[in-house]
Amino acid sequence: MEGRGKLVAFTCIAIGTPAMLKLGYGRENPYCTGVVELEEKARVVARIQGVDTRNPGTISVGMPLQVDFLEEDSGSGSRTVLAFKPLVAG
């Protein structure tokens, strides 16, 4: 997989799970989760980084995205989390 695709659905979440609250997300700092259709036509659910979650009207279905793997501390070690961010033209 090349790691590029487009956003086909999303939601901004202000009431997070304990794990997301531990990372600093919550009512004042929501996070975005979306369905991404990869160029290869497979669809995945992942966190969407680099978007204005306090103003979800700026996030648009169809926007091009690229993969952005995140390293997070899970309490018992680090883990890699699948995420996407807006594709930078170039």
PDB file of N, CA and C in Angstrom:
ATOM      1  N   MET A   1       0.833  -1.175   0.000  1.00  0.00           N
ATOM      2  CA  MET A   1       0.000   0.000   0.000  1.00  0.00           C
ATOM      3  C   MET A   1       0.883   1.245   0.000  1.00  0.00           C
ATOM      4  N   GLU A   2       0.487   2.218  -0.754  1.00  0.00           N
ATOM      5  CA  GLU A   2       1.272   3.442  -0.883  1.00  0.00           C
ATOM      6  C   GLU A   2       1.065   4.413   0.278  1.00  0.00           C
ATOM      7  N   GLY A   3      -0.066   4.299   0.990  1.00  0.00           N
ATOM      8  CA  GLY A   3      -0.292   5.180   2.132  1.00  0.00           C
ATOM      9  C   GLY A   3      -0.982   6.477   1.789  1.00  0.00           C
ATOM     10  N   ARG A   4      -1.589   6.544   0.605  1.00  0.00           N
ATOM     11  CA  ARG A   4      -2.346   7.736   0.222  1.00  0.00           C
ATOM     12  C   ARG A   4      -3.789   7.355  -0.043  1.00  0.00           C
ATOM     13  N   GLY A   5      -4.687   8.297   0.230  1.00  0.00           N
ATOM     14  CA  GLY A   5      -6.093   8.042  -0.004  1.00  0.00           C
ATOM     15  C   GLY A   5      -6.903   9.304   0.173  1.00  0.00           C
ATOM     16  N   LYS A   6      -8.209   9.113   0.363  1.00  0.00           N
ATOM     17  CA  LYS A   6      -9.093  10.262   0.562  1.00  0.00           C
ATOM     18  C   LYS A   6     -10.046   9.972   1.714  1.00  0.00           C
ATOM     19  N   LEU A   7     -10.453  11.027   2.369  1.00  0.00           N
ATOM     20  CA  LEU A   7     -11.368  10.924   3.498  1.00  0.00           C
ATOM     21  C   LEU A   7     -12.779  10.681   2.979  1.00  0.00           C
ATOM     22  N   VAL A   8     -13.445   9.621   3.462  1.00  0.00           N
ATOM     23  CA  VAL A   8     -14.813   9.348   3.006  1.00  0.00           C
ATOM     24  C   VAL A   8     -15.846   9.554   4.104  1.00  0.00           C
ATOM     25  N   ALA A   9     -15.410   9.616   5.357  1.00  0.00           N
ATOM     26  CA  ALA A   9     -16.312   9.897   6.488  1.00  0.00           C
ATOM     27  C   ALA A   9     -15.446  10.253   7.688  1.00  0.00           C
ATOM     28  N   PHE A  10     -15.986  11.085   8.596  1.00  0.00           N
ATOM     29  CA  PHE A  10     -15.209  11.447   9.781  1.00  0.00           C
ATOM     30  C   PHE A  10     -16.127  11.912  10.902  1.00  0.00           C
ATOM     31  N   THR A  11     -15.576  11.930  12.104  1.00  0.00           N
ATOM     32  CA  THR A  11     -16.238  12.502  13.260  1.00  0.00           C
ATOM     33  C   THR A  11     -15.169  13.103  14.168  1.00  0.00           C
ATOM     34  N   CYS A  12     -15.522  14.197  14.830  1.00  0.00           N
ATOM     35  CA  CYS A  12     -14.645  14.808  15.819  1.00  0.00           C
ATOM     36  C   CYS A  12     -15.187  14.440  17.189  1.00  0.00           C
ATOM     37  N   ILE A  13     -14.351  13.877  18.036  1.00  0.00           N
ATOM     38  CA  ILE A  13     -14.783  13.299  19.306  1.00  0.00           C
ATOM     39  C   ILE A  13     -14.249  14.128  20.462  1.00  0.00           C
ATOM     40  N   ALA A  14     -15.177  14.619  21.294  1.00  0.00           N
ATOM     41  CA  ALA A  14     -14.804  15.461  22.431  1.00  0.00           C
ATOM     42  C   ALA A  14     -14.873  14.716  23.759  1.00  0.00           C
ATOM     43  N   ILE A  15     -15.527  13.576  23.773  1.00  0.00           N
ATOM     44  CA  ILE A  15     -15.595  12.758  24.990  1.00  0.00           C
ATOM     45  C   ILE A  15     -14.855  11.470  24.677  1.00  0.00           C
ATOM     46  N   GLY A  16     -13.614  11.415  25.116  1.00  0.00           N
ATOM     47  CA  GLY A  16     -12.747  10.324  24.719  1.00  0.00           C
ATOM     48  C   GLY A  16     -12.713   9.162  25.686  1.00  0.00           C
ATOM     49  N   THR A  17     -12.070   8.121  25.234  1.00  0.00           N
ATOM     50  CA  THR A  17     -11.803   6.950  26.067  1.00  0.00           C
ATOM     51  C   THR A  17     -10.730   7.328  27.081  1.00  0.00           C
ATOM     52  N   PRO A  18     -10.553   6.550  28.139  1.00  0.00           N
ATOM     53  CA  PRO A  18      -9.476   6.851  29.091  1.00  0.00           C
ATOM     54  C   PRO A  18      -8.106   6.989  28.418  1.00  0.00           C
ATOM     55  N   ALA A  19      -7.834   6.161  27.426  1.00  0.00           N
ATOM     56  CA  ALA A  19      -6.544   6.239  26.735  1.00  0.00           C
ATOM     57  C   ALA A  19      -6.386   7.562  25.996  1.00  0.00           C
ATOM     58  N   MET A  20      -7.448   8.034  25.360  1.00  0.00           N
ATOM     59  CA  MET A  20      -7.371   9.303  24.629  1.00  0.00           C
ATOM     60  C   MET A  20      -7.314  10.485  25.594  1.00  0.00           C
ATOM     61  N   LEU A  21      -8.008  10.375  26.716  1.00  0.00           N
ATOM     62  CA  LEU A  21      -7.937  11.434  27.735  1.00  0.00           C
ATOM     63  C   LEU A  21      -6.513  11.544  28.269  1.00  0.00           C
ATOM     64  N   LYS A  22      -5.852  10.408  28.435  1.00  0.00           N
ATOM     65  CA  LYS A  22      -4.472  10.388  28.922  1.00  0.00           C
ATOM     66  C   LYS A  22      -3.532  11.104  27.944  1.00  0.00           C
ATOM     67  N   LEU A  23      -3.869  11.066  26.662  1.00  0.00           N
ATOM     68  CA  LEU A  23      -3.061  11.727  25.635  1.00  0.00           C
ATOM     69  C   LEU A  23      -3.383  13.215  25.512  1.00  0.00           C
ATOM     70  N   GLY A  24      -4.365  13.688  26.312  1.00  0.00           N
ATOM     71  CA  GLY A  24      -4.680  15.113  26.307  1.00  0.00           C
ATOM     72  C   GLY A  24      -5.897  15.513  25.496  1.00  0.00           C
ATOM     73  N   TYR A  25      -6.624  14.541  24.974  1.00  0.00           N
ATOM     74  CA  TYR A  25      -7.829  14.854  24.219  1.00  0.00           C
ATOM     75  C   TYR A  25      -9.026  14.940  25.158  1.00  0.00           C
ATOM     76  N   GLY A  26     -10.029  15.718  24.783  1.00  0.00           N
ATOM     77  CA  GLY A  26     -11.226  15.876  25.597  1.00  0.00           C
ATOM     78  C   GLY A  26     -12.079  17.012  25.059  1.00  0.00           C
ATOM     79  N   ARG A  27     -12.956  17.550  25.906  1.00  0.00           N
ATOM     80  CA  ARG A  27     -13.880  18.597  25.472  1.00  0.00           C
ATOM     81  C   ARG A  27     -13.166  19.812  24.880  1.00  0.00           C
ATOM     82  N   GLU A  28     -12.055  20.207  25.458  1.00  0.00           N
ATOM     83  CA  GLU A  28     -11.328  21.384  24.969  1.00  0.00           C
ATOM     84  C   GLU A  28     -10.358  21.061  23.830  1.00  0.00           C
ATOM     85  N   ASN A  29     -10.095  19.786  23.621  1.00  0.00           N
ATOM     86  CA  ASN A  29      -9.158  19.356  22.586  1.00  0.00           C
ATOM     87  C   ASN A  29      -9.663  18.060  21.944  1.00  0.00           C
ATOM     88  N   PRO A  30     -10.709  18.146  21.086  1.00  0.00           N
ATOM     89  CA  PRO A  30     -11.252  16.935  20.460  1.00  0.00           C
ATOM     90  C   PRO A  30     -10.260  16.317  19.471  1.00  0.00           C
ATOM     91  N   TYR A  31     -10.508  15.066  19.134  1.00  0.00           N
ATOM     92  CA  TYR A  31      -9.693  14.402  18.116  1.00  0.00           C
ATOM     93  C   TYR A  31     -10.602  13.937  16.998  1.00  0.00           C
ATOM     94  N   CYS A  32     -10.011  13.665  15.853  1.00  0.00           N
ATOM     95  CA  CYS A  32     -10.775  13.275  14.666  1.00  0.00           C
ATOM     96  C   CYS A  32     -10.452  11.827  14.307  1.00  0.00           C
ATOM     97  N   THR A  33     -11.485  11.073  14.032  1.00  0.00           N
ATOM     98  CA  THR A  33     -11.353   9.716  13.523  1.00  0.00           C
ATOM     99  C   THR A  33     -12.114   9.661  12.205  1.00  0.00           C
ATOM    100  N   GLY A  34     -11.558   8.962  11.228  1.00  0.00           N
ATOM    101  CA  GLY A  34     -12.225   8.921   9.941  1.00  0.00           C
ATOM    102  C   GLY A  34     -12.041   7.609   9.216  1.00  0.00           C
ATOM    103  N   VAL A  35     -12.828   7.457   8.167  1.00  0.00           N
ATOM    104  CA  VAL A  35     -12.697   6.334   7.246  1.00  0.00           C
ATOM    105  C   VAL A  35     -11.927   6.864   6.036  1.00  0.00           C
ATOM    106  N   VAL A  36     -10.830   6.202   5.717  1.00  0.00           N
ATOM    107  CA  VAL A  36      -9.978   6.609   4.608  1.00  0.00           C
ATOM    108  C   VAL A  36     -10.040   5.531   3.537  1.00  0.00           C
ATOM    109  N   GLU A  37     -10.360   5.951   2.319  1.00  0.00           N
ATOM    110  CA  GLU A  37     -10.311   5.018   1.190  1.00  0.00           C
ATOM    111  C   GLU A  37      -8.941   5.173   0.535  1.00  0.00           C
ATOM    112  N   LEU A  38      -8.155   4.117   0.624  1.00  0.00           N
ATOM    113  CA  LEU A  38      -6.816   4.135   0.046  1.00  0.00           C
ATOM    114  C   LEU A  38      -6.888   4.117  -1.476  1.00  0.00           C
ATOM    115  N   GLU A  39      -5.820   4.553  -2.129  1.00  0.00           N
ATOM    116  CA  GLU A  39      -5.776   4.534  -3.588  1.00  0.00           C
ATOM    117  C   GLU A  39      -6.032   3.136  -4.141  1.00  0.00           C
ATOM    118  N   GLU A  40      -5.675   2.116  -3.345  1.00  0.00           N
ATOM    119  CA  GLU A  40      -5.883   0.720  -3.775  1.00  0.00           C
ATOM    120  C   GLU A  40      -7.310   0.253  -3.530  1.00  0.00           C
ATOM    121  N   LYS A  41      -8.191   1.147  -3.061  1.00  0.00           N
ATOM    122  CA  LYS A  41      -9.637   0.944  -2.850  1.00  0.00           C
ATOM    123  C   LYS A  41      -9.999   0.283  -1.530  1.00  0.00           C
ATOM    124  N   ALA A  42      -9.025  -0.149  -0.743  1.00  0.00           N
ATOM    125  CA  ALA A  42      -9.338  -0.662   0.595  1.00  0.00           C
ATOM    126  C   ALA A  42      -9.703   0.522   1.483  1.00  0.00           C
ATOM    127  N   ARG A  43     -10.556   0.293   2.480  1.00  0.00           N
ATOM    128  CA  ARG A  43     -10.936   1.342   3.425  1.00  0.00           C
ATOM    129  C   ARG A  43     -10.442   0.970   4.821  1.00  0.00           C
ATOM    130  N   VAL A  44      -9.918   1.970   5.540  1.00  0.00           N
ATOM    131  CA  VAL A  44      -9.436   1.773   6.897  1.00  0.00           C
ATOM    132  C   VAL A  44      -9.967   2.888   7.782  1.00  0.00           C
ATOM    133  N   VAL A  45     -10.105   2.581   9.058  1.00  0.00           N
ATOM    134  CA  VAL A  45     -10.491   3.588  10.051  1.00  0.00           C
ATOM    135  C   VAL A  45      -9.226   3.982  10.795  1.00  0.00           C
ATOM    136  N   ALA A  46      -9.005   5.287  10.923  1.00  0.00           N
ATOM    137  CA  ALA A  46      -7.777   5.761  11.564  1.00  0.00           C
ATOM    138  C   ALA A  46      -7.992   7.156  12.129  1.00  0.00           C
ATOM    139  N   ARG A  47      -7.077   7.574  12.987  1.00  0.00           N
ATOM    140  CA  ARG A  47      -7.088   8.945  13.491  1.00  0.00           C
ATOM    141  C   ARG A  47      -6.642   9.881  12.366  1.00  0.00           C
ATOM    142  N   ILE A  48      -7.259  11.045  12.296  1.00  0.00           N
ATOM    143  CA  ILE A  48      -6.903  12.047  11.299  1.00  0.00           C
ATOM    144  C   ILE A  48      -6.193  13.183  12.025  1.00  0.00           C
ATOM    145  N   GLN A  49      -4.929  13.391  11.715  1.00  0.00           N
ATOM    146  CA  GLN A  49      -4.089  14.404  12.342  1.00  0.00           C
ATOM    147  C   GLN A  49      -4.013  15.639  11.453  1.00  0.00           C
ATOM    148  N   GLY A  50      -3.626  16.767  12.034  1.00  0.00           N
ATOM    149  CA  GLY A  50      -3.348  17.955  11.237  1.00  0.00           C
ATOM    150  C   GLY A  50      -4.565  18.663  10.696  1.00  0.00           C
ATOM    151  N   VAL A  51      -5.737  18.422  11.315  1.00  0.00           N
ATOM    152  CA  VAL A  51      -6.967  19.117  10.924  1.00  0.00           C
ATOM    153  C   VAL A  51      -7.494  19.883  12.131  1.00  0.00           C
ATOM    154  N   ASP A  52      -8.329  20.886  11.891  1.00  0.00           N
ATOM    155  CA  ASP A  52      -8.859  21.724  12.961  1.00  0.00           C
ATOM    156  C   ASP A  52     -10.108  21.069  13.562  1.00  0.00           C
ATOM    157  N   THR A  53      -9.906  20.282  14.605  1.00  0.00           N
ATOM    158  CA  THR A  53     -11.023  19.543  15.207  1.00  0.00           C
ATOM    159  C   THR A  53     -11.980  20.449  15.972  1.00  0.00           C
ATOM    160  N   ARG A  54     -11.563  21.655  16.304  1.00  0.00           N
ATOM    161  CA  ARG A  54     -12.462  22.612  16.970  1.00  0.00           C
ATOM    162  C   ARG A  54     -13.349  23.314  15.959  1.00  0.00           C
ATOM    163  N   ASN A  55     -13.038  23.171  14.690  1.00  0.00           N
ATOM    164  CA  ASN A  55     -13.827  23.757  13.613  1.00  0.00           C
ATOM    165  C   ASN A  55     -13.999  22.700  12.519  1.00  0.00           C
ATOM    166  N   PRO A  56     -14.848  21.692  12.761  1.00  0.00           N
ATOM    167  CA  PRO A  56     -14.958  20.569  11.824  1.00  0.00           C
ATOM    168  C   PRO A  56     -15.464  20.959  10.433  1.00  0.00           C
ATOM    169  N   GLY A  57     -16.016  22.155  10.296  1.00  0.00           N
ATOM    170  CA  GLY A  57     -16.444  22.613   8.977  1.00  0.00           C
ATOM    171  C   GLY A  57     -15.280  22.786   8.017  1.00  0.00           C
ATOM    172  N   THR A  58     -14.061  22.844   8.541  1.00  0.00           N
ATOM    173  CA  THR A  58     -12.877  22.973   7.693  1.00  0.00           C
ATOM    174  C   THR A  58     -12.365  21.616   7.210  1.00  0.00           C
ATOM    175  N   ILE A  59     -12.936  20.542   7.722  1.00  0.00           N
ATOM    176  CA  ILE A  59     -12.549  19.177   7.317  1.00  0.00           C
ATOM    177  C   ILE A  59     -13.540  18.735   6.257  1.00  0.00           C
ATOM    178  N   SER A  60     -13.055  18.225   5.139  1.00  0.00           N
ATOM    179  CA  SER A  60     -13.992  17.892   4.064  1.00  0.00           C
ATOM    180  C   SER A  60     -13.832  16.458   3.575  1.00  0.00           C
ATOM    181  N   VAL A  61     -14.964  15.833   3.341  1.00  0.00           N
ATOM    182  CA  VAL A  61     -14.985  14.509   2.720  1.00  0.00           C
ATOM    183  C   VAL A  61     -14.371  14.672   1.335  1.00  0.00           C
ATOM    184  N   GLY A  62     -13.507  13.765   0.987  1.00  0.00           N
ATOM    185  CA  GLY A  62     -12.826  13.816  -0.304  1.00  0.00           C
ATOM    186  C   GLY A  62     -11.438  14.407  -0.229  1.00  0.00           C
ATOM    187  N   MET A  63     -11.076  15.011   0.924  1.00  0.00           N
ATOM    188  CA  MET A  63      -9.740  15.616   1.021  1.00  0.00           C
ATOM    189  C   MET A  63      -8.667  14.535   0.921  1.00  0.00           C
ATOM    190  N   PRO A  64      -7.585  14.809   0.171  1.00  0.00           N
ATOM    191  CA  PRO A  64      -6.511  13.817   0.031  1.00  0.00           C
ATOM    192  C   PRO A  64      -5.696  13.711   1.312  1.00  0.00           C
ATOM    193  N   LEU A  65      -5.321  12.483   1.653  1.00  0.00           N
ATOM    194  CA  LEU A  65      -4.592  12.200   2.887  1.00  0.00           C
ATOM    195  C   LEU A  65      -3.386  11.318   2.602  1.00  0.00           C
ATOM    196  N   GLN A  66      -2.431  11.364   3.521  1.00  0.00           N
ATOM    197  CA  GLN A  66      -1.277  10.461   3.465  1.00  0.00           C
ATOM    198  C   GLN A  66      -1.076   9.847   4.841  1.00  0.00           C
ATOM    199  N   VAL A  67      -0.514   8.663   4.879  1.00  0.00           N
ATOM    200  CA  VAL A  67      -0.322   7.937   6.131  1.00  0.00           C
ATOM    201  C   VAL A  67       0.627   8.706   7.048  1.00  0.00           C
ATOM    202  N   ASP A  68       0.397   8.572   8.348  1.00  0.00           N
ATOM    203  CA  ASP A  68       1.205   9.243   9.363  1.00  0.00           C
ATOM    204  C   ASP A  68       1.212   8.337  10.596  1.00  0.00           C
ATOM    205  N   PHE A  69       2.168   7.418  10.683  1.00  0.00           N
ATOM    206  CA  PHE A  69       2.237   6.498  11.812  1.00  0.00           C
ATOM    207  C   PHE A  69       2.642   7.251  13.074  1.00  0.00           C
ATOM    208  N   LEU A  70       1.931   7.021  14.169  1.00  0.00           N
ATOM    209  CA  LEU A  70       2.201   7.687  15.439  1.00  0.00           C
ATOM    210  C   LEU A  70       2.781   6.686  16.426  1.00  0.00           C
ATOM    211  N   GLU A  71       3.765   7.109  17.182  1.00  0.00           N
ATOM    212  CA  GLU A  71       4.322   6.291  18.258  1.00  0.00           C
ATOM    213  C   GLU A  71       3.752   6.811  19.566  1.00  0.00           C
ATOM    214  N   GLU A  72       3.069   5.961  20.313  1.00  0.00           N
ATOM    215  CA  GLU A  72       2.452   6.361  21.574  1.00  0.00           C
ATOM    216  C   GLU A  72       2.876   5.422  22.688  1.00  0.00           C
ATOM    217  N   ASP A  73       2.928   5.948  23.898  1.00  0.00           N
ATOM    218  CA  ASP A  73       3.234   5.159  25.078  1.00  0.00           C
ATOM    219  C   ASP A  73       1.933   4.541  25.569  1.00  0.00           C
ATOM    220  N   SER A  74       1.866   3.230  25.602  1.00  0.00           N
ATOM    221  CA  SER A  74       0.647   2.534  26.025  1.00  0.00           C
ATOM    222  C   SER A  74       0.650   2.194  27.510  1.00  0.00           C
ATOM    223  N   GLY A  75       1.649   2.653  28.239  1.00  0.00           N
ATOM    224  CA  GLY A  75       1.759   2.317  29.658  1.00  0.00           C
ATOM    225  C   GLY A  75       2.652   1.115  29.877  1.00  0.00           C
ATOM    226  N   SER A  76       2.566   0.140  28.981  1.00  0.00           N
ATOM    227  CA  SER A  76       3.416  -1.049  29.082  1.00  0.00           C
ATOM    228  C   SER A  76       4.420  -1.084  27.940  1.00  0.00           C
ATOM    229  N   GLY A  77       4.695   0.078  27.369  1.00  0.00           N
ATOM    230  CA  GLY A  77       5.630   0.180  26.251  1.00  0.00           C
ATOM    231  C   GLY A  77       5.036   1.050  25.165  1.00  0.00           C
ATOM    232  N   SER A  78       5.768   1.217  24.105  1.00  0.00           N
ATOM    233  CA  SER A  78       5.251   2.046  23.026  1.00  0.00           C
ATOM    234  C   SER A  78       4.509   1.186  22.009  1.00  0.00           C
ATOM    235  N   ARG A  79       3.639   1.852  21.258  1.00  0.00           N
ATOM    236  CA  ARG A  79       2.902   1.163  20.203  1.00  0.00           C
ATOM    237  C   ARG A  79       2.776   2.106  19.014  1.00  0.00           C
ATOM    238  N   THR A  80       2.615   1.551  17.849  1.00  0.00           N
ATOM    239  CA  THR A  80       2.452   2.325  16.636  1.00  0.00           C
ATOM    240  C   THR A  80       0.969   2.386  16.306  1.00  0.00           C
ATOM    241  N   VAL A  81       0.484   3.606  16.052  1.00  0.00           N
ATOM    242  CA  VAL A  81      -0.930   3.837  15.769  1.00  0.00           C
ATOM    243  C   VAL A  81      -1.062   4.342  14.334  1.00  0.00           C
ATOM    244  N   LEU A  82      -2.005   3.769  13.582  1.00  0.00           N
ATOM    245  CA  LEU A  82      -2.269   4.206  12.220  1.00  0.00           C
ATOM    246  C   LEU A  82      -3.013   5.533  12.248  1.00  0.00           C
ATOM    247  N   ALA A  83      -2.499   6.510  11.535  1.00  0.00           N
ATOM    248  CA  ALA A  83      -3.153   7.812  11.415  1.00  0.00           C
ATOM    249  C   ALA A  83      -2.899   8.333  10.003  1.00  0.00           C
ATOM    250  N   PHE A  84      -3.655   9.346   9.640  1.00  0.00           N
ATOM    251  CA  PHE A  84      -3.468  10.022   8.353  1.00  0.00           C
ATOM    252  C   PHE A  84      -3.447  11.516   8.591  1.00  0.00           C
ATOM    253  N   LYS A  85      -2.823  12.239   7.661  1.00  0.00           N
ATOM    254  CA  LYS A  85      -2.778  13.701   7.724  1.00  0.00           C
ATOM    255  C   LYS A  85      -3.024  14.226   6.302  1.00  0.00           C
ATOM    256  N   PRO A  86      -3.410  15.488   6.195  1.00  0.00           N
ATOM    257  CA  PRO A  86      -3.634  16.037   4.848  1.00  0.00           C
ATOM    258  C   PRO A  86      -2.405  15.883   3.973  1.00  0.00           C
ATOM    259  N   LEU A  87      -2.636  15.516   2.721  1.00  0.00           N
ATOM    260  CA  LEU A  87      -1.561  15.336   1.756  1.00  0.00           C
ATOM    261  C   LEU A  87      -1.014  16.704   1.358  1.00  0.00           C
ATOM    262  N   VAL A  88       0.281  16.853   1.477  1.00  0.00           N
ATOM    263  CA  VAL A  88       0.938  18.089   1.086  1.00  0.00           C
ATOM    264  C   VAL A  88       1.264  18.016  -0.401  1.00  0.00           C
ATOM    265  N   ALA A  89       0.774  18.982  -1.149  1.00  0.00           N
ATOM    266  CA  ALA A  89       1.029  18.990  -2.596  1.00  0.00           C
ATOM    267  C   ALA A  89       2.517  19.167  -2.858  1.00  0.00           C
ATOM    268  N   GLY A  90       2.994  18.470  -3.850  1.00  0.00           N
ATOM    269  CA  GLY A  90       4.413  18.656  -4.160  1.00  0.00           C
ATOM    270  C   GLY A  90       5.017  17.583  -4.898  1.00  0.00           C
TER     271      GLY A  90
END
